[in-house]
């Protein structure tokens, strides 16, 4: 009997240029892209601009912008929907969500 596991969204994704050190004036830079527990690191570059270009290339290869994460939807999206519905139903227009739950508790 074969079981199939559903494809899970990664929790987070990060994309940045990292220096080889923070305390010395002479440094090198590397592109760093992580999607969940998967890491992609480039070789070291002499300038930050070169590493930034490599970072964008890695993002394009991985379709970084198209990957949805749990962090992007919020950990409790149903809670946000409920609060927004209560805000709309209350007739408020001031942007304050404070005290919405005290009405029906």
PDB file of N, CA and C in Angstrom:
ATOM      1  N   UNK A   1       0.835  -1.161   0.000  1.00  0.00           N
ATOM      2  CA  UNK A   1       0.000   0.000   0.000  1.00  0.00           C
ATOM      3  C   UNK A   1       0.892   1.240   0.000  1.00  0.00           C
ATOM      4  N   UNK A   2       0.736   2.055  -0.992  1.00  0.00           N
ATOM      5  CA  UNK A   2       1.545   3.263  -1.107  1.00  0.00           C
ATOM      6  C   UNK A   2       0.815   4.431  -0.470  1.00  0.00           C
ATOM      7  N   UNK A   3       1.551   5.200   0.271  1.00  0.00           N
ATOM      8  CA  UNK A   3       0.967   6.402   0.857  1.00  0.00           C
ATOM      9  C   UNK A   3       1.607   7.613   0.210  1.00  0.00           C
ATOM     10  N   UNK A   4       0.827   8.616   0.029  1.00  0.00           N
ATOM     11  CA  UNK A   4       1.370   9.841  -0.547  1.00  0.00           C
ATOM     12  C   UNK A   4       1.322  10.932   0.503  1.00  0.00           C
ATOM     13  N   UNK A   5       2.398  11.661   0.612  1.00  0.00           N
ATOM     14  CA  UNK A   5       2.425  12.762   1.562  1.00  0.00           C
ATOM     15  C   UNK A   5       2.125  14.054   0.816  1.00  0.00           C
ATOM     16  N   UNK A   6       1.279  14.879   1.396  1.00  0.00           N
ATOM     17  CA  UNK A   6       0.970  16.139   0.732  1.00  0.00           C
ATOM     18  C   UNK A   6       2.193  17.054   0.725  1.00  0.00           C
ATOM     19  N   UNK A   7       2.315  17.832  -0.304  1.00  0.00           N
ATOM     20  CA  UNK A   7       3.431  18.771  -0.397  1.00  0.00           C
ATOM     21  C   UNK A   7       3.179  19.892   0.593  1.00  0.00           C
ATOM     22  N   UNK A   8       4.131  20.103   1.477  1.00  0.00           N
ATOM     23  CA  UNK A   8       3.972  21.132   2.491  1.00  0.00           C
ATOM     24  C   UNK A   8       4.712  22.395   2.073  1.00  0.00           C
ATOM     25  N   UNK A   9       4.147  23.521   2.441  1.00  0.00           N
ATOM     26  CA  UNK A   9       4.800  24.795   2.175  1.00  0.00           C
ATOM     27  C   UNK A   9       5.961  24.959   3.139  1.00  0.00           C
ATOM     28  N   UNK A  10       7.058  25.558   2.669  1.00  0.00           N
ATOM     29  CA  UNK A  10       8.131  25.879   3.616  1.00  0.00           C
ATOM     30  C   UNK A  10       7.647  26.956   4.587  1.00  0.00           C
ATOM     31  N   UNK A  11       8.218  26.978   5.771  1.00  0.00           N
ATOM     32  CA  UNK A  11       7.799  27.947   6.775  1.00  0.00           C
ATOM     33  C   UNK A  11       8.267  29.349   6.402  1.00  0.00           C
ATOM     34  N   UNK A  12       9.503  29.476   5.892  1.00  0.00           N
ATOM     35  CA  UNK A  12      10.024  30.799   5.573  1.00  0.00           C
ATOM     36  C   UNK A  12      10.966  30.721   4.378  1.00  0.00           C
ATOM     37  N   UNK A  13      11.323  31.885   3.871  1.00  0.00           N
ATOM     38  CA  UNK A  13      12.345  31.993   2.837  1.00  0.00           C
ATOM     39  C   UNK A  13      13.098  33.291   3.073  1.00  0.00           C
ATOM     40  N   UNK A  14      14.396  33.257   2.788  1.00  0.00           N
ATOM     41  CA  UNK A  14      15.261  34.420   2.977  1.00  0.00           C
ATOM     42  C   UNK A  14      16.199  34.543   1.783  1.00  0.00           C
ATOM     43  N   UNK A  15      16.534  35.758   1.442  1.00  0.00           N
ATOM     44  CA  UNK A  15      17.463  36.022   0.360  1.00  0.00           C
ATOM     45  C   UNK A  15      18.268  37.259   0.727  1.00  0.00           C
ATOM     46  N   UNK A  16      19.597  37.104   0.786  1.00  0.00           N
ATOM     47  CA  UNK A  16      20.425  38.227   1.195  1.00  0.00           C
ATOM     48  C   UNK A  16      21.859  38.068   0.721  1.00  0.00           C
ATOM     49  N   UNK A  17      22.599  39.153   0.819  1.00  0.00           N
ATOM     50  CA  UNK A  17      24.026  39.145   0.528  1.00  0.00           C
ATOM     51  C   UNK A  17      24.743  39.239   1.866  1.00  0.00           C
ATOM     52  N   UNK A  18      25.652  38.305   2.116  1.00  0.00           N
ATOM     53  CA  UNK A  18      26.354  38.251   3.395  1.00  0.00           C
ATOM     54  C   UNK A  18      27.832  38.595   3.221  1.00  0.00           C
ATOM     55  N   UNK A  19      28.387  39.401   4.123  1.00  0.00           N
ATOM     56  CA  UNK A  19      29.821  39.684   4.078  1.00  0.00           C
ATOM     57  C   UNK A  19      30.611  38.559   4.741  1.00  0.00           C
ATOM     58  N   UNK A  20      31.873  38.452   4.381  1.00  0.00           N
ATOM     59  CA  UNK A  20      32.726  37.426   4.986  1.00  0.00           C
ATOM     60  C   UNK A  20      33.047  37.758   6.438  1.00  0.00           C
ATOM     61  N   UNK A  21      32.988  39.039   6.794  1.00  0.00           N
ATOM     62  CA  UNK A  21      33.195  39.465   8.173  1.00  0.00           C
ATOM     63  C   UNK A  21      32.530  40.823   8.362  1.00  0.00           C
ATOM     64  N   UNK A  22      32.365  41.189   9.598  1.00  0.00           N
ATOM     65  CA  UNK A  22      31.738  42.478   9.899  1.00  0.00           C
ATOM     66  C   UNK A  22      32.713  43.464  10.525  1.00  0.00           C
ATOM     67  N   UNK A  23      33.860  43.010  10.941  1.00  0.00           N
ATOM     68  CA  UNK A  23      34.752  43.853  11.716  1.00  0.00           C
ATOM     69  C   UNK A  23      35.981  44.355  10.955  1.00  0.00           C
ATOM     70  N   UNK A  24      36.245  43.848   9.777  1.00  0.00           N
ATOM     71  CA  UNK A  24      37.401  44.301   9.010  1.00  0.00           C
ATOM     72  C   UNK A  24      36.950  45.107   7.792  1.00  0.00           C
ATOM     73  N   UNK A  25      37.753  46.076   7.379  1.00  0.00           N
ATOM     74  CA  UNK A  25      37.357  46.863   6.206  1.00  0.00           C
ATOM     75  C   UNK A  25      37.414  46.076   4.898  1.00  0.00           C
ATOM     76  N   UNK A  26      38.363  45.137   4.778  1.00  0.00           N
ATOM     77  CA  UNK A  26      38.438  44.327   3.564  1.00  0.00           C
ATOM     78  C   UNK A  26      37.592  43.073   3.759  1.00  0.00           C
ATOM     79  N   UNK A  27      36.595  42.931   2.898  1.00  0.00           N
ATOM     80  CA  UNK A  27      35.695  41.792   3.001  1.00  0.00           C
ATOM     81  C   UNK A  27      35.267  41.323   1.628  1.00  0.00           C
ATOM     82  N   UNK A  28      34.756  40.121   1.610  1.00  0.00           N
ATOM     83  CA  UNK A  28      34.180  39.556   0.407  1.00  0.00           C
ATOM     84  C   UNK A  28      32.703  39.314   0.685  1.00  0.00           C
ATOM     85  N   UNK A  29      31.943  39.070  -0.383  1.00  0.00           N
ATOM     86  CA  UNK A  29      30.505  38.917  -0.234  1.00  0.00           C
ATOM     87  C   UNK A  29      30.028  37.658  -0.940  1.00  0.00           C
ATOM     88  N   UNK A  30      28.993  37.036  -0.377  1.00  0.00           N
ATOM     89  CA  UNK A  30      28.400  35.845  -0.975  1.00  0.00           C
ATOM     90  C   UNK A  30      26.882  35.999  -0.986  1.00  0.00           C
ATOM     91  N   UNK A  31      26.266  35.438  -2.004  1.00  0.00           N
ATOM     92  CA  UNK A  31      24.801  35.420  -2.079  1.00  0.00           C
ATOM     93  C   UNK A  31      24.297  34.239  -1.273  1.00  0.00           C
ATOM     94  N   UNK A  32      23.244  34.446  -0.511  1.00  0.00           N
ATOM     95  CA  UNK A  32      22.678  33.407   0.337  1.00  0.00           C
ATOM     96  C   UNK A  32      21.166  33.400   0.156  1.00  0.00           C
ATOM     97  N   UNK A  33      20.620  32.254  -0.257  1.00  0.00           N
ATOM     98  CA  UNK A  33      19.181  32.104  -0.434  1.00  0.00           C
ATOM     99  C   UNK A  33      18.756  30.839   0.296  1.00  0.00           C
ATOM    100  N   UNK A  34      17.767  30.973   1.180  1.00  0.00           N
ATOM    101  CA  UNK A  34      17.250  29.793   1.879  1.00  0.00           C
ATOM    102  C   UNK A  34      15.746  29.728   1.697  1.00  0.00           C
ATOM    103  N   UNK A  35      15.268  28.515   1.460  1.00  0.00           N
ATOM    104  CA  UNK A  35      13.844  28.249   1.353  1.00  0.00           C
ATOM    105  C   UNK A  35      13.566  27.074   2.278  1.00  0.00           C
ATOM    106  N   UNK A  36      12.971  27.367   3.420  1.00  0.00           N
ATOM    107  CA  UNK A  36      12.781  26.324   4.428  1.00  0.00           C
ATOM    108  C   UNK A  36      14.137  25.859   4.929  1.00  0.00           C
ATOM    109  N   UNK A  37      14.404  24.572   4.813  1.00  0.00           N
ATOM    110  CA  UNK A  37      15.689  24.034   5.265  1.00  0.00           C
ATOM    111  C   UNK A  37      16.665  23.813   4.115  1.00  0.00           C
ATOM    112  N   UNK A  38      16.360  24.339   2.949  1.00  0.00           N
ATOM    113  CA  UNK A  38      17.216  24.206   1.771  1.00  0.00           C
ATOM    114  C   UNK A  38      18.017  25.495   1.591  1.00  0.00           C
ATOM    115  N   UNK A  39      19.344  25.384   1.566  1.00  0.00           N
ATOM    116  CA  UNK A  39      20.223  26.547   1.485  1.00  0.00           C
ATOM    117  C   UNK A  39      21.004  26.556   0.185  1.00  0.00           C
ATOM    118  N   UNK A  40      21.171  27.737  -0.385  1.00  0.00           N
ATOM    119  CA  UNK A  40      21.962  27.925  -1.601  1.00  0.00           C
ATOM    120  C   UNK A  40      22.911  29.090  -1.349  1.00  0.00           C
ATOM    121  N   UNK A  41      24.209  28.811  -1.463  1.00  0.00           N
ATOM    122  CA  UNK A  41      25.227  29.827  -1.211  1.00  0.00           C
ATOM    123  C   UNK A  41      26.146  29.899  -2.415  1.00  0.00           C
ATOM    124  N   UNK A  42      26.463  31.112  -2.835  1.00  0.00           N
ATOM    125  CA  UNK A  42      27.359  31.293  -3.982  1.00  0.00           C
ATOM    126  C   UNK A  42      28.810  31.300  -3.515  1.00  0.00           C
ATOM    127  N   UNK A  43      29.716  31.403  -4.475  1.00  0.00           N
ATOM    128  CA  UNK A  43      31.119  31.590  -4.115  1.00  0.00           C
ATOM    129  C   UNK A  43      31.313  33.033  -3.656  1.00  0.00           C
ATOM    130  N   UNK A  44      32.481  33.349  -3.155  1.00  0.00           N
ATOM    131  CA  UNK A  44      32.763  34.692  -2.647  1.00  0.00           C
ATOM    132  C   UNK A  44      33.080  35.642  -3.793  1.00  0.00           C
ATOM    133  N   UNK A  45      32.613  36.871  -3.668  1.00  0.00           N
ATOM    134  CA  UNK A  45      32.872  37.918  -4.651  1.00  0.00           C
ATOM    135  C   UNK A  45      33.570  39.089  -3.976  1.00  0.00           C
ATOM    136  N   UNK A  46      34.333  39.834  -4.761  1.00  0.00           N
ATOM    137  CA  UNK A  46      35.069  40.974  -4.227  1.00  0.00           C
ATOM    138  C   UNK A  46      34.160  42.169  -3.938  1.00  0.00           C
ATOM    139  N   UNK A  47      33.086  42.309  -4.705  1.00  0.00           N
ATOM    140  CA  UNK A  47      32.202  43.461  -4.487  1.00  0.00           C
ATOM    141  C   UNK A  47      30.790  42.996  -4.127  1.00  0.00           C
ATOM    142  N   UNK A  48      30.098  43.864  -3.424  1.00  0.00           N
ATOM    143  CA  UNK A  48      28.733  43.571  -3.009  1.00  0.00           C
ATOM    144  C   UNK A  48      27.799  43.525  -4.222  1.00  0.00           C
ATOM    145  N   UNK A  49      28.083  44.335  -5.238  1.00  0.00           N
ATOM    146  CA  UNK A  49      27.251  44.382  -6.439  1.00  0.00           C
ATOM    147  C   UNK A  49      27.286  43.052  -7.202  1.00  0.00           C
ATOM    148  N   UNK A  50      28.485  42.437  -7.282  1.00  0.00           N
ATOM    149  CA  UNK A  50      28.599  41.135  -7.948  1.00  0.00           C
ATOM    150  C   UNK A  50      27.796  40.064  -7.200  1.00  0.00           C
ATOM    151  N   UNK A  51      27.879  40.092  -5.881  1.00  0.00           N
ATOM    152  CA  UNK A  51      27.138  39.122  -5.066  1.00  0.00           C
ATOM    153  C   UNK A  51      25.628  39.361  -5.188  1.00  0.00           C
ATOM    154  N   UNK A  52      25.231  40.613  -5.283  1.00  0.00           N
ATOM    155  CA  UNK A  52      23.807  40.941  -5.455  1.00  0.00           C
ATOM    156  C   UNK A  52      23.289  40.407  -6.785  1.00  0.00           C
ATOM    157  N   UNK A  53      24.087  40.529  -7.829  1.00  0.00           N
ATOM    158  CA  UNK A  53      23.709  39.994  -9.138  1.00  0.00           C
ATOM    159  C   UNK A  53      23.576  38.471  -9.092  1.00  0.00           C
ATOM    160  N   UNK A  54      24.502  37.811  -8.419  1.00  0.00           N
ATOM    161  CA  UNK A  54      24.438  36.355  -8.269  1.00  0.00           C
ATOM    162  C   UNK A  54      23.217  35.937  -7.449  1.00  0.00           C
ATOM    163  N   UNK A  55      22.895  36.716  -6.436  1.00  0.00           N
ATOM    164  CA  UNK A  55      21.702  36.431  -5.615  1.00  0.00           C
ATOM    165  C   UNK A  55      20.440  36.462  -6.474  1.00  0.00           C
ATOM    166  N   UNK A  56      20.337  37.451  -7.339  1.00  0.00           N
ATOM    167  CA  UNK A  56      19.176  37.536  -8.218  1.00  0.00           C
ATOM    168  C   UNK A  56      19.129  36.367  -9.192  1.00  0.00           C
ATOM    169  N   UNK A  57      20.301  35.921  -9.664  1.00  0.00           N
ATOM    170  CA  UNK A  57      20.348  34.755 -10.566  1.00  0.00           C
ATOM    171  C   UNK A  57      19.873  33.486  -9.850  1.00  0.00           C
ATOM    172  N   UNK A  58      20.311  33.297  -8.619  1.00  0.00           N
ATOM    173  CA  UNK A  58      19.887  32.128  -7.836  1.00  0.00           C
ATOM    174  C   UNK A  58      18.382  32.179  -7.603  1.00  0.00           C
ATOM    175  N   UNK A  59      17.872  33.361  -7.272  1.00  0.00           N
ATOM    176  CA  UNK A  59      16.430  33.507  -7.071  1.00  0.00           C
ATOM    177  C   UNK A  59      15.661  33.133  -8.335  1.00  0.00           C
ATOM    178  N   UNK A  60      16.151  33.578  -9.470  1.00  0.00           N
ATOM    179  CA  UNK A  60      15.465  33.284 -10.731  1.00  0.00           C
ATOM    180  C   UNK A  60      15.492  31.781 -11.019  1.00  0.00           C
ATOM    181  N   UNK A  61      16.619  31.114 -10.774  1.00  0.00           N
ATOM    182  CA  UNK A  61      16.731  29.666 -10.998  1.00  0.00           C
ATOM    183  C   UNK A  61      15.766  28.895 -10.105  1.00  0.00           C
ATOM    184  N   UNK A  62      15.553  29.376  -8.889  1.00  0.00           N
ATOM    185  CA  UNK A  62      14.699  28.674  -7.930  1.00  0.00           C
ATOM    186  C   UNK A  62      13.236  29.111  -8.002  1.00  0.00           C
ATOM    187  N   UNK A  63      12.916  30.077  -8.843  1.00  0.00           N
ATOM    188  CA  UNK A  63      11.566  30.676  -8.896  1.00  0.00           C
ATOM    189  C   UNK A  63      11.173  31.166  -7.505  1.00  0.00           C
ATOM    190  N   UNK A  64      12.073  31.877  -6.883  1.00  0.00           N
ATOM    191  CA  UNK A  64      11.950  32.337  -5.496  1.00  0.00           C
ATOM    192  C   UNK A  64      10.661  33.117  -5.256  1.00  0.00           C
ATOM    193  N   UNK A  65      10.312  34.021  -6.156  1.00  0.00           N
ATOM    194  CA  UNK A  65       9.133  34.867  -5.960  1.00  0.00           C
ATOM    195  C   UNK A  65       7.833  34.075  -5.996  1.00  0.00           C
ATOM    196  N   UNK A  66       7.818  32.926  -6.661  1.00  0.00           N
ATOM    197  CA  UNK A  66       6.593  32.143  -6.802  1.00  0.00           C
ATOM    198  C   UNK A  66       6.352  31.173  -5.648  1.00  0.00           C
ATOM    199  N   UNK A  67       7.345  30.986  -4.808  1.00  0.00           N
ATOM    200  CA  UNK A  67       7.228  30.026  -3.704  1.00  0.00           C
ATOM    201  C   UNK A  67       6.433  30.650  -2.565  1.00  0.00           C
ATOM    202  N   UNK A  68       5.335  30.001  -2.202  1.00  0.00           N
ATOM    203  CA  UNK A  68       4.510  30.468  -1.093  1.00  0.00           C
ATOM    204  C   UNK A  68       5.001  29.843   0.205  1.00  0.00           C
ATOM    205  N   UNK A  69       4.951  30.604   1.270  1.00  0.00           N
ATOM    206  CA  UNK A  69       5.398  30.117   2.567  1.00  0.00           C
ATOM    207  C   UNK A  69       4.291  30.257   3.598  1.00  0.00           C
ATOM    208  N   UNK A  70       4.426  29.522   4.670  1.00  0.00           N
ATOM    209  CA  UNK A  70       3.493  29.628   5.790  1.00  0.00           C
ATOM    210  C   UNK A  70       3.625  31.015   6.416  1.00  0.00           C
ATOM    211  N   UNK A  71       4.844  31.519   6.474  1.00  0.00           N
ATOM    212  CA  UNK A  71       5.095  32.844   7.036  1.00  0.00           C
ATOM    213  C   UNK A  71       4.357  33.917   6.239  1.00  0.00           C
ATOM    214  N   UNK A  72       4.281  33.752   4.932  1.00  0.00           N
ATOM    215  CA  UNK A  72       3.618  34.722   4.085  1.00  0.00           C
ATOM    216  C   UNK A  72       2.117  34.769   4.274  1.00  0.00           C
ATOM    217  N   UNK A  73       1.506  33.652   4.632  1.00  0.00           N
ATOM    218  CA  UNK A  73       0.056  33.637   4.836  1.00  0.00           C
ATOM    219  C   UNK A  73      -0.316  33.908   6.282  1.00  0.00           C
ATOM    220  N   UNK A  74       0.669  33.890   7.156  1.00  0.00           N
ATOM    221  CA  UNK A  74       0.401  34.060   8.583  1.00  0.00           C
ATOM    222  C   UNK A  74       0.167  32.692   9.200  1.00  0.00           C
ATOM    223  N   UNK A  75       0.516  32.525  10.445  1.00  0.00           N
ATOM    224  CA  UNK A  75       0.362  31.231  11.074  1.00  0.00           C
ATOM    225  C   UNK A  75      -1.080  30.943  11.444  1.00  0.00           C
ATOM    226  N   UNK A  76      -1.888  31.987  11.574  1.00  0.00           N
ATOM    227  CA  UNK A  76      -3.289  31.802  11.910  1.00  0.00           C
ATOM    228  C   UNK A  76      -4.155  32.624  10.959  1.00  0.00           C
ATOM    229  N   UNK A  77      -4.208  32.258   9.667  1.00  0.00           N
ATOM    230  CA  UNK A  77      -4.965  33.074   8.716  1.00  0.00           C
ATOM    231  C   UNK A  77      -6.455  33.109   9.027  1.00  0.00           C
ATOM    232  N   UNK A  78      -6.990  32.034   9.630  1.00  0.00           N
ATOM    233  CA  UNK A  78      -8.416  32.029   9.955  1.00  0.00           C
ATOM    234  C   UNK A  78      -8.733  33.066  11.035  1.00  0.00           C
ATOM    235  N   UNK A  79      -7.794  33.299  11.948  1.00  0.00           N
ATOM    236  CA  UNK A  79      -7.984  34.294  12.996  1.00  0.00           C
ATOM    237  C   UNK A  79      -8.065  35.691  12.381  1.00  0.00           C
ATOM    238  N   UNK A  80      -7.211  35.968  11.413  1.00  0.00           N
ATOM    239  CA  UNK A  80      -7.234  37.271  10.750  1.00  0.00           C
ATOM    240  C   UNK A  80      -8.555  37.486  10.016  1.00  0.00           C
ATOM    241  N   UNK A  81      -9.070  36.441   9.379  1.00  0.00           N
ATOM    242  CA  UNK A  81     -10.363  36.562   8.681  1.00  0.00           C
ATOM    243  C   UNK A  81     -11.493  36.846   9.670  1.00  0.00           C
ATOM    244  N   UNK A  82     -11.502  36.149  10.807  1.00  0.00           N
ATOM    245  CA  UNK A  82     -12.549  36.336  11.810  1.00  0.00           C
ATOM    246  C   UNK A  82     -12.512  37.761  12.363  1.00  0.00           C
ATOM    247  N   UNK A  83     -11.317  38.245  12.681  1.00  0.00           N
ATOM    248  CA  UNK A  83     -11.190  39.601  13.223  1.00  0.00           C
ATOM    249  C   UNK A  83     -11.629  40.636  12.194  1.00  0.00           C
ATOM    250  N   UNK A  84     -11.258  40.445  10.933  1.00  0.00           N
ATOM    251  CA  UNK A  84     -11.664  41.381   9.878  1.00  0.00           C
ATOM    252  C   UNK A  84     -13.190  41.371   9.707  1.00  0.00           C
ATOM    253  N   UNK A  85     -13.813  40.202   9.767  1.00  0.00           N
ATOM    254  CA  UNK A  85     -15.275  40.124   9.663  1.00  0.00           C
ATOM    255  C   UNK A  85     -15.950  40.856  10.826  1.00  0.00           C
ATOM    256  N   UNK A  86     -15.409  40.692  12.032  1.00  0.00           N
ATOM    257  CA  UNK A  86     -15.966  41.384  13.194  1.00  0.00           C
ATOM    258  C   UNK A  86     -15.791  42.896  13.057  1.00  0.00           C
ATOM    259  N   UNK A  87     -14.643  43.320  12.525  1.00  0.00           N
ATOM    260  CA  UNK A  87     -14.399  44.751  12.328  1.00  0.00           C
ATOM    261  C   UNK A  87     -15.396  45.331  11.333  1.00  0.00           C
ATOM    262  N   UNK A  88     -15.594  44.639  10.218  1.00  0.00           N
ATOM    263  CA  UNK A  88     -16.536  45.114   9.207  1.00  0.00           C
ATOM    264  C   UNK A  88     -17.967  45.153   9.766  1.00  0.00           C
ATOM    265  N   UNK A  89     -18.342  44.129  10.527  1.00  0.00           N
ATOM    266  CA  UNK A  89     -19.686  44.063  11.082  1.00  0.00           C
ATOM    267  C   UNK A  89     -19.926  45.139  12.141  1.00  0.00           C
ATOM    268  N   UNK A  90     -18.855  45.593  12.809  1.00  0.00           N
ATOM    269  CA  UNK A  90     -19.018  46.600  13.865  1.00  0.00           C
ATOM    270  C   UNK A  90     -19.274  47.990  13.301  1.00  0.00           C
ATOM    271  N   UNK A  91     -18.991  48.197  12.034  1.00  0.00           N
ATOM    272  CA  UNK A  91     -19.209  49.502  11.423  1.00  0.00           C
ATOM    273  C   UNK A  91     -18.113  50.510  11.727  1.00  0.00           C
ATOM    274  N   UNK A  92     -17.017  50.053  12.300  1.00  0.00           N
ATOM    275  CA  UNK A  92     -15.907  50.954  12.620  1.00  0.00           C
ATOM    276  C   UNK A  92     -15.199  51.420  11.348  1.00  0.00           C
ATOM    277  N   UNK A  93     -14.653  52.610  11.421  1.00  0.00           N
ATOM    278  CA  UNK A  93     -13.847  53.126  10.307  1.00  0.00           C
ATOM    279  C   UNK A  93     -12.543  53.735  10.807  1.00  0.00           C
ATOM    280  N   UNK A  94     -12.234  53.539  12.094  1.00  0.00           N
ATOM    281  CA  UNK A  94     -11.063  54.176  12.687  1.00  0.00           C
ATOM    282  C   UNK A  94      -9.807  53.303  12.635  1.00  0.00           C
ATOM    283  N   UNK A  95      -9.904  52.081  12.152  1.00  0.00           N
ATOM    284  CA  UNK A  95      -8.733  51.206  12.059  1.00  0.00           C
ATOM    285  C   UNK A  95      -8.353  50.546  13.363  1.00  0.00           C
ATOM    286  N   UNK A  96      -9.140  50.722  14.420  1.00  0.00           N
ATOM    287  CA  UNK A  96      -8.830  50.107  15.712  1.00  0.00           C
ATOM    288  C   UNK A  96      -9.577  48.785  15.846  1.00  0.00           C
ATOM    289  N   UNK A  97      -8.817  47.739  16.092  1.00  0.00           N
ATOM    290  CA  UNK A  97      -9.398  46.408  16.245  1.00  0.00           C
ATOM    291  C   UNK A  97      -9.556  46.036  17.719  1.00  0.00           C
ATOM    292  N   UNK A  98      -9.188  46.934  18.612  1.00  0.00           N
ATOM    293  CA  UNK A  98      -9.233  46.674  20.034  1.00  0.00           C
ATOM    294  C   UNK A  98     -10.670  46.525  20.516  1.00  0.00           C
ATOM    295  N   UNK A  99     -10.911  45.510  21.311  1.00  0.00           N
ATOM    296  CA  UNK A  99     -12.205  45.322  21.936  1.00  0.00           C
ATOM    297  C   UNK A  99     -13.242  44.610  21.088  1.00  0.00           C
ATOM    298  N   UNK A 100     -12.876  44.113  19.916  1.00  0.00           N
ATOM    299  CA  UNK A 100     -13.853  43.438  19.065  1.00  0.00           C
ATOM    300  C   UNK A 100     -14.354  42.148  19.705  1.00  0.00           C
ATOM    301  N   UNK A 101     -13.477  41.428  20.375  1.00  0.00           N
ATOM    302  CA  UNK A 101     -13.891  40.161  20.990  1.00  0.00           C
ATOM    303  C   UNK A 101     -14.673  40.360  22.265  1.00  0.00           C
ATOM    304  N   UNK A 102     -14.585  41.523  22.896  1.00  0.00           N
ATOM    305  CA  UNK A 102     -15.299  41.743  24.155  1.00  0.00           C
ATOM    306  C   UNK A 102     -16.799  41.871  23.927  1.00  0.00           C
ATOM    307  N   UNK A 103     -17.220  42.104  22.674  1.00  0.00           N
ATOM    308  CA  UNK A 103     -18.641  42.232  22.392  1.00  0.00           C
ATOM    309  C   UNK A 103     -19.368  40.907  22.456  1.00  0.00           C
ATOM    310  N   UNK A 104     -18.734  39.794  22.043  1.00  0.00           N
ATOM    311  CA  UNK A 104     -19.422  38.504  22.066  1.00  0.00           C
ATOM    312  C   UNK A 104     -18.760  37.465  22.965  1.00  0.00           C
ATOM    313  N   UNK A 105     -18.008  37.858  23.938  1.00  0.00           N
ATOM    314  CA  UNK A 105     -17.376  36.888  24.821  1.00  0.00           C
ATOM    315  C   UNK A 105     -18.316  36.416  25.882  1.00  0.00           C
TER     316      UNK A 105
END
